[in-house]
Protein backbone atom coordinates (compact mmCIF):
# COMPACT_ATOMS: atom_id res chain seq x y z
CA MET A 1 21.52 9.44 -16.56
CA GLY A 2 17.86 8.42 -16.23
CA ASP A 3 18.44 7.12 -12.71
CA GLN A 4 20.26 10.31 -11.76
CA LEU A 5 17.41 12.46 -13.04
CA THR A 6 14.87 10.35 -11.18
CA TYR A 7 16.76 10.73 -7.95
CA ALA A 8 17.24 14.47 -8.51
CA ALA A 9 13.50 14.92 -9.02
CA TYR A 10 12.60 13.13 -5.79
CA ALA A 11 15.35 14.88 -3.85
CA ALA A 12 14.08 18.24 -5.09
CA GLY A 13 10.59 17.30 -3.94
CA TRP A 14 11.74 16.40 -0.45
CA GLY A 15 13.91 19.47 -0.25
CA ALA A 16 11.63 22.16 -1.66
CA VAL A 17 7.99 21.14 -1.20
CA LYS A 18 8.17 20.94 2.58
CA ARG A 19 9.27 24.59 2.66
CA LEU A 20 6.29 25.89 0.68
CA PRO A 21 3.22 27.28 2.44
CA GLU A 22 0.69 24.46 2.70
CA SER A 23 -1.93 26.11 0.48
CA ALA A 24 0.69 26.79 -2.19
CA ALA A 25 1.98 23.21 -2.10
CA ASN A 26 -1.53 21.76 -2.34
CA GLY A 27 -2.43 24.04 -5.21
CA LEU A 28 0.78 23.22 -7.06
CA PHE A 29 0.25 19.48 -6.81
CA GLN A 30 -3.37 19.76 -7.91
CA ARG A 31 -2.26 21.66 -11.01
CA ILE A 32 0.38 19.05 -11.72
CA ALA A 33 -2.24 16.30 -11.34
CA ASP A 34 -4.66 18.02 -13.71
CA THR A 35 -1.93 18.59 -16.30
CA VAL A 36 -0.71 15.00 -16.14
CA ALA A 37 -4.26 13.66 -16.40
CA LYS A 38 -4.96 15.86 -19.42
CA ARG A 39 -1.84 14.69 -21.26
CA ARG A 40 -2.88 11.03 -20.82
CA GLY A 41 0.57 9.52 -20.74
CA LYS A 42 1.33 5.82 -20.24
CA SER A 43 0.69 5.73 -16.49
CA VAL A 44 -2.54 7.73 -16.81
CA LEU A 45 -3.80 5.42 -19.55
CA ARG A 46 -3.06 2.44 -17.31
CA LEU A 47 -4.94 4.08 -14.43
CA GLU A 48 -7.81 4.77 -16.82
CA ALA A 49 -7.91 1.14 -17.93
CA ASN A 50 -7.87 -0.08 -14.33
CA LEU A 51 -10.64 2.33 -13.31
CA ARG A 52 -12.71 1.23 -16.30
CA ARG A 53 -12.78 -2.23 -14.75
CA VAL A 54 -13.82 -0.78 -11.39
CA ARG A 55 -16.58 1.36 -12.96
CA PRO A 56 -17.54 -0.46 -16.18
CA ASP A 57 -20.79 1.50 -16.56
CA ALA A 58 -19.16 4.94 -16.38
CA SER A 59 -19.49 7.18 -19.44
CA ASP A 60 -16.35 8.50 -21.10
CA ALA A 61 -16.88 11.86 -19.40
CA GLU A 62 -17.41 10.23 -16.00
CA LEU A 63 -14.30 8.10 -16.46
CA ALA A 64 -12.23 11.14 -17.44
CA GLU A 65 -13.37 12.93 -14.29
CA LEU A 66 -12.60 9.84 -12.20
CA VAL A 67 -9.09 9.70 -13.66
CA ARG A 68 -8.57 13.39 -12.88
CA ALA A 69 -9.72 12.79 -9.31
CA GLY A 70 -7.44 9.76 -9.15
CA MET A 71 -4.41 11.76 -10.20
CA ARG A 72 -5.28 14.46 -7.66
CA SER A 73 -5.45 11.79 -4.96
CA TYR A 74 -2.13 10.30 -6.10
CA LEU A 75 -0.39 13.69 -6.13
CA ARG A 76 -1.87 14.45 -2.70
CA TYR A 77 -0.08 11.34 -1.48
CA TRP A 78 3.20 12.72 -2.81
CA CYS A 79 2.62 16.24 -1.50
CA GLU A 80 1.90 14.89 1.99
CA SER A 81 4.84 12.49 1.84
CA PHE A 82 7.28 15.23 0.87
CA ARG A 83 6.01 17.40 3.74
CA MET A 84 5.58 14.79 6.50
CA PRO A 85 9.22 14.75 7.64
CA VAL A 86 8.66 18.18 9.20
CA TRP A 87 5.21 17.47 10.64
CA SER A 88 4.86 17.34 14.41
CA ARG A 89 3.42 14.30 16.17
CA GLU A 90 0.30 16.35 16.83
CA ARG A 91 -0.07 17.13 13.13
CA VAL A 92 0.32 13.49 12.17
CA LYS A 93 -2.26 12.46 14.76
CA ALA A 94 -4.74 15.07 13.55
CA SER A 95 -4.35 14.14 9.86
CA PHE A 96 -5.88 10.64 9.99
CA GLU A 97 -9.17 9.39 11.43
CA PRO A 98 -9.56 5.61 11.13
CA GLU A 99 -12.72 3.74 12.08
CA PHE A 100 -12.64 0.65 14.33
CA VAL A 101 -9.06 1.20 15.48
CA GLU A 102 -10.10 -0.67 18.63
CA ARG A 103 -9.65 -3.85 16.59
CA LEU A 104 -5.94 -3.08 16.34
CA ASP A 105 -5.79 -2.15 20.02
CA ALA A 106 -7.39 -5.45 21.03
CA ALA A 107 -5.04 -7.51 18.86
CA MET A 108 -1.98 -5.77 20.28
CA ALA A 109 -3.25 -6.02 23.86
CA SER A 110 -3.71 -9.78 23.43
CA GLY A 111 0.01 -10.26 22.85
CA ARG A 112 -0.60 -12.15 19.60
CA GLY A 113 0.86 -9.46 17.39
CA ALA A 114 -0.92 -8.18 14.31
CA VAL A 115 -0.48 -7.78 10.57
CA LEU A 116 -2.10 -4.68 9.09
CA ALA A 117 -2.57 -5.33 5.37
CA LEU A 118 -3.31 -2.38 3.09
CA PRO A 119 -3.84 -1.83 -0.63
CA HIS A 120 -2.29 1.10 -2.49
CA MET A 121 -5.02 3.49 -1.32
CA GLY A 122 -4.82 6.98 0.15
CA ASN A 123 -1.52 7.60 1.93
CA TRP A 124 -0.23 4.44 3.55
CA ASP A 125 2.84 6.27 4.86
CA LEU A 126 0.62 8.72 6.75
CA ALA A 127 -1.39 5.82 8.16
CA GLY A 128 1.86 4.19 9.25
CA ALA A 129 3.13 7.35 10.91
CA TRP A 130 -0.21 7.68 12.72
CA VAL A 131 0.11 4.12 14.02
CA VAL A 132 3.59 4.89 15.35
CA VAL A 133 2.35 8.05 17.06
CA ARG A 134 -0.41 5.96 18.64
CA GLY A 135 2.32 3.91 20.29
CA TYR A 136 2.78 0.94 17.95
CA PRO A 137 6.19 0.90 16.23
CA PHE A 138 6.14 -1.64 13.44
CA ALA A 139 8.15 -3.44 10.78
CA THR A 140 7.41 -3.16 7.09
CA VAL A 141 8.92 -4.04 3.71
CA ALA A 142 10.10 -1.78 0.89
CA GLU A 143 10.62 -2.82 -2.72
CA ARG A 144 14.09 -2.00 -4.00
CA LEU A 145 14.16 0.96 -6.35
CA ARG A 146 16.61 2.24 -8.90
CA PRO A 147 18.87 4.03 -8.36
CA GLU A 148 20.00 2.46 -5.09
CA LYS A 149 20.35 5.82 -3.40
CA LEU A 150 16.68 6.51 -4.12
CA PHE A 151 15.79 3.28 -2.29
CA ASP A 152 18.05 4.37 0.56
CA ARG A 153 16.28 7.75 0.63
CA PHE A 154 12.86 6.09 0.89
CA VAL A 155 14.10 3.79 3.65
CA ALA A 156 15.54 6.74 5.57
CA TYR A 157 12.29 8.66 5.10
CA ARG A 158 10.15 5.84 6.46
CA GLU A 159 12.55 5.08 9.27
CA GLY A 160 12.36 8.77 10.14
CA LEU A 161 8.61 8.27 10.58
CA GLY A 162 9.29 5.50 13.09
CA MET A 163 9.14 2.37 10.94
CA GLU A 164 11.55 -0.55 10.75
CA VAL A 165 12.06 -1.03 7.00
CA LEU A 166 13.27 -4.33 5.55
CA PRO A 167 14.13 -4.89 1.86
CA LEU A 168 11.79 -7.06 -0.18
CA THR A 169 14.76 -8.56 -2.03
CA GLY A 170 18.50 -8.59 -1.68
CA GLY A 171 18.63 -8.75 2.12
CA ALA A 172 18.42 -11.38 4.83
CA ASN A 173 15.31 -13.54 5.13
CA THR A 174 12.81 -10.71 5.41
CA LEU A 175 9.74 -12.82 6.11
CA ALA A 176 11.57 -14.68 8.86
CA THR A 177 12.42 -11.35 10.49
CA LEU A 178 8.81 -10.22 10.24
CA ALA A 179 7.66 -13.51 11.77
CA LYS A 180 10.07 -12.97 14.66
CA ARG A 181 8.61 -9.52 15.31
CA LEU A 182 5.09 -10.96 15.37
CA ARG A 183 6.02 -13.80 17.74
CA GLU A 184 7.36 -11.12 20.05
CA GLY A 185 3.89 -9.54 20.04
CA GLY A 186 4.84 -6.79 17.60
CA LEU A 187 3.15 -5.20 14.62
CA VAL A 188 3.81 -5.65 10.90
CA CYS A 189 2.30 -3.42 8.21
CA LEU A 190 2.33 -4.53 4.58
CA VAL A 191 0.98 -3.05 1.36
CA GLY A 192 -0.22 -6.14 -0.44
CA ASP A 193 -2.55 -5.72 -3.41
CA ARG A 194 -0.16 -6.53 -6.26
CA ASP A 195 2.32 -9.36 -6.88
CA LEU A 196 2.84 -10.56 -10.45
CA SER A 197 5.57 -13.03 -9.52
CA ALA A 198 5.20 -16.79 -9.47
CA SER A 199 4.91 -16.70 -5.69
CA GLY A 200 1.74 -14.60 -5.79
CA VAL A 201 -1.69 -16.01 -4.99
CA ASP A 202 -4.32 -15.94 -7.71
CA VAL A 203 -7.47 -14.17 -6.52
CA ASP A 204 -10.73 -12.87 -7.87
CA PHE A 205 -10.77 -9.07 -7.71
CA LEU A 206 -13.97 -7.39 -8.87
CA GLY A 207 -14.81 -10.38 -11.02
CA GLU A 208 -11.46 -10.86 -12.77
CA ALA A 209 -8.29 -12.80 -12.01
CA ALA A 210 -5.48 -10.92 -10.29
CA ARG A 211 -2.48 -11.93 -8.22
CA MET A 212 -1.56 -10.78 -4.72
CA PRO A 213 1.32 -11.53 -2.34
CA ALA A 214 0.82 -14.39 0.09
CA GLY A 215 3.06 -12.80 2.72
CA PRO A 216 0.44 -11.19 5.00
CA ALA A 217 -1.61 -14.38 5.19
CA VAL A 218 1.42 -16.66 5.50
CA LEU A 219 2.68 -14.62 8.44
CA ALA A 220 -0.69 -14.87 10.18
CA VAL A 221 -0.89 -18.63 9.60
CA GLN A 222 2.66 -19.26 10.79
CA THR A 223 2.64 -17.01 13.88
CA GLY A 224 -0.98 -16.79 15.04
CA ALA A 225 -0.96 -13.01 14.63
CA ALA A 226 -4.21 -11.23 13.81
CA LEU A 227 -4.58 -10.38 10.12
CA LEU A 228 -6.43 -7.05 9.86
CA PRO A 229 -7.30 -5.58 6.46
CA VAL A 230 -7.25 -1.78 6.20
CA THR A 231 -8.70 0.57 3.60
CA LEU A 232 -7.91 4.29 3.22
CA TRP A 233 -9.54 7.18 1.40
CA TYR A 234 -9.83 10.95 1.16
CA ASP A 235 -13.18 12.72 1.55
CA GLY A 236 -12.35 16.24 0.39
CA THR A 237 -11.17 17.39 3.83
CA PRO A 238 -7.57 17.76 5.04
CA VAL A 239 -8.03 14.62 7.18
CA MET A 240 -7.58 11.19 5.57
CA LYS A 241 -10.15 8.57 6.53
CA GLY A 242 -9.73 4.84 6.95
CA ARG A 243 -11.16 1.65 8.37
CA VAL A 244 -9.65 -1.29 10.24
CA HIS A 245 -11.76 -4.22 9.11
CA GLU A 246 -12.59 -7.38 11.00
CA GLU A 247 -9.84 -9.94 11.46
CA VAL A 248 -9.39 -12.49 8.69
CA ALA A 249 -9.50 -15.77 10.58
CA VAL A 250 -7.25 -18.72 9.79
CA PRO A 251 -9.34 -21.54 8.27
CA GLY A 252 -9.73 -24.62 10.41
CA THR A 253 -8.78 -27.08 7.69
CA GLY A 254 -6.37 -27.32 4.78
CA SER A 255 -2.61 -27.10 4.32
CA LYS A 256 -0.73 -23.96 5.23
CA ARG A 257 -0.63 -23.00 1.56
CA GLU A 258 -4.38 -23.55 1.18
CA LYS A 259 -5.14 -21.55 4.31
CA ALA A 260 -2.97 -18.67 3.10
CA ALA A 261 -4.69 -18.71 -0.29
CA THR A 262 -8.14 -18.56 1.31
CA MET A 263 -7.09 -15.69 3.56
CA THR A 264 -5.54 -13.78 0.65
CA GLN A 265 -8.83 -14.05 -1.20
CA ALA A 266 -10.56 -12.65 1.89
CA LEU A 267 -8.20 -9.67 1.78
CA ALA A 268 -9.00 -9.22 -1.91
CA ASP A 269 -12.73 -9.22 -1.13
CA VAL A 270 -12.36 -6.49 1.50
CA TRP A 271 -10.08 -4.36 -0.65
CA SER A 272 -12.20 -4.72 -3.76
CA GLU A 273 -15.17 -3.28 -1.89
CA GLY A 274 -12.98 -0.44 -0.65
CA VAL A 275 -11.83 0.25 -4.19
CA ARG A 276 -15.41 0.10 -5.44
CA GLU A 277 -16.44 2.68 -2.83
CA HIS A 278 -13.42 4.97 -3.34
CA PRO A 279 -11.95 4.20 -6.78
CA GLN A 280 -10.23 7.59 -7.11
CA ASP A 281 -8.07 6.78 -4.08
CA TRP A 282 -6.71 3.49 -5.45
CA HIS A 283 -3.27 4.41 -6.78
CA MET A 284 -2.88 1.57 -9.24
CA LEU A 285 -0.96 3.08 -12.17
CA GLN A 286 0.48 -0.29 -13.17
CA ARG A 287 -0.89 -3.47 -14.70
CA PHE A 288 -2.94 -5.30 -12.12
CA TRP A 289 -5.27 -7.90 -13.64
CA LEU A 290 -3.63 -10.98 -15.15
CA ALA A 291 -5.44 -10.46 -18.44
CA ASP A 292 -3.33 -7.32 -18.95
CA VAL A 293 0.02 -8.98 -18.27
CA ASP A 294 2.27 -10.68 -20.81
CA PRO A 295 2.03 -14.43 -20.04
CA ALA A 296 5.76 -14.84 -20.72
CA ARG A 297 6.53 -12.36 -17.96
CA LEU A 298 4.48 -14.37 -15.48
CA ALA A 299 6.10 -17.63 -16.55
CA ALA A 300 9.60 -16.17 -16.22
CA SER A 301 9.19 -15.17 -12.59
CA THR A 302 11.08 -17.43 -10.18
CA ARG A 303 10.85 -15.68 -6.82
CA PRO A 304 10.38 -18.41 -4.12
CA ALA A 305 7.02 -18.79 -2.45
CA PRO A 306 6.77 -17.17 1.01
CA GLU A 307 5.83 -20.47 2.67
CA GLU A 308 9.29 -21.75 1.78
CA THR A 309 11.08 -18.87 3.51
CA VAL A 310 9.28 -18.25 6.83
CA GLN A 311 10.84 -20.04 9.80
């Protein structure tokens, strides 16, 4: 019954929100965000704890305002995502203004292929749709959700935006497929700031231990594709902002695993600065730092390391 209600809620969002006038939809989602923030449920308390680590010197009042802004940013993501299936290509193009996109253009023109690696900031689906409109179809990965038909709905939604969506688990060798796309000179986009499985890479994030997926770096090491970190944020206007950062180079020495670990730490360094600059746009409503995770849960994870699966 819980799965059915979850699916019904998302289906209602996709069905109804896109039909509302834009000002009404935006106002509705802001009110929902403010109400949820005020009630301080489990997810909001987790966001609050995460933001406390980002802004340790904030007063209680400043932190409360930051959490409210964070929930507004998170609900803006959902409002936009529910409405994007009916947006025109022109609307998608006008809704995102990234800096240094020439770095992506150069990587794609070189024929090497590229991996765009993003944290859970802003609206990564909008950024992906913008990339497709720019002329770069890409492959990405989606985590399986319950119920299964909700996962299928998300896949259909993202494929409708022009993305090739592969399952994180339960499918064919996903990383091998991504590597094939890159060797063909294609583009891969991955959201990669959280992986609490045994295959994750331990990194320092804002001074504390965290764990991130090795996949983006492993793909770059194995295929020679450019690894480009991206950060996203809102600035109070209807247009999302972003930045394509400088390529993370493959180290000249070390094993493949060591190179991937070094590159994953470089991603963490870029993203941590992005989160420090725009903490309200980091949609991390789950446990992130290892100090907050049950050690038994970490020890029980057995997902194979990416280096063992890429061909």
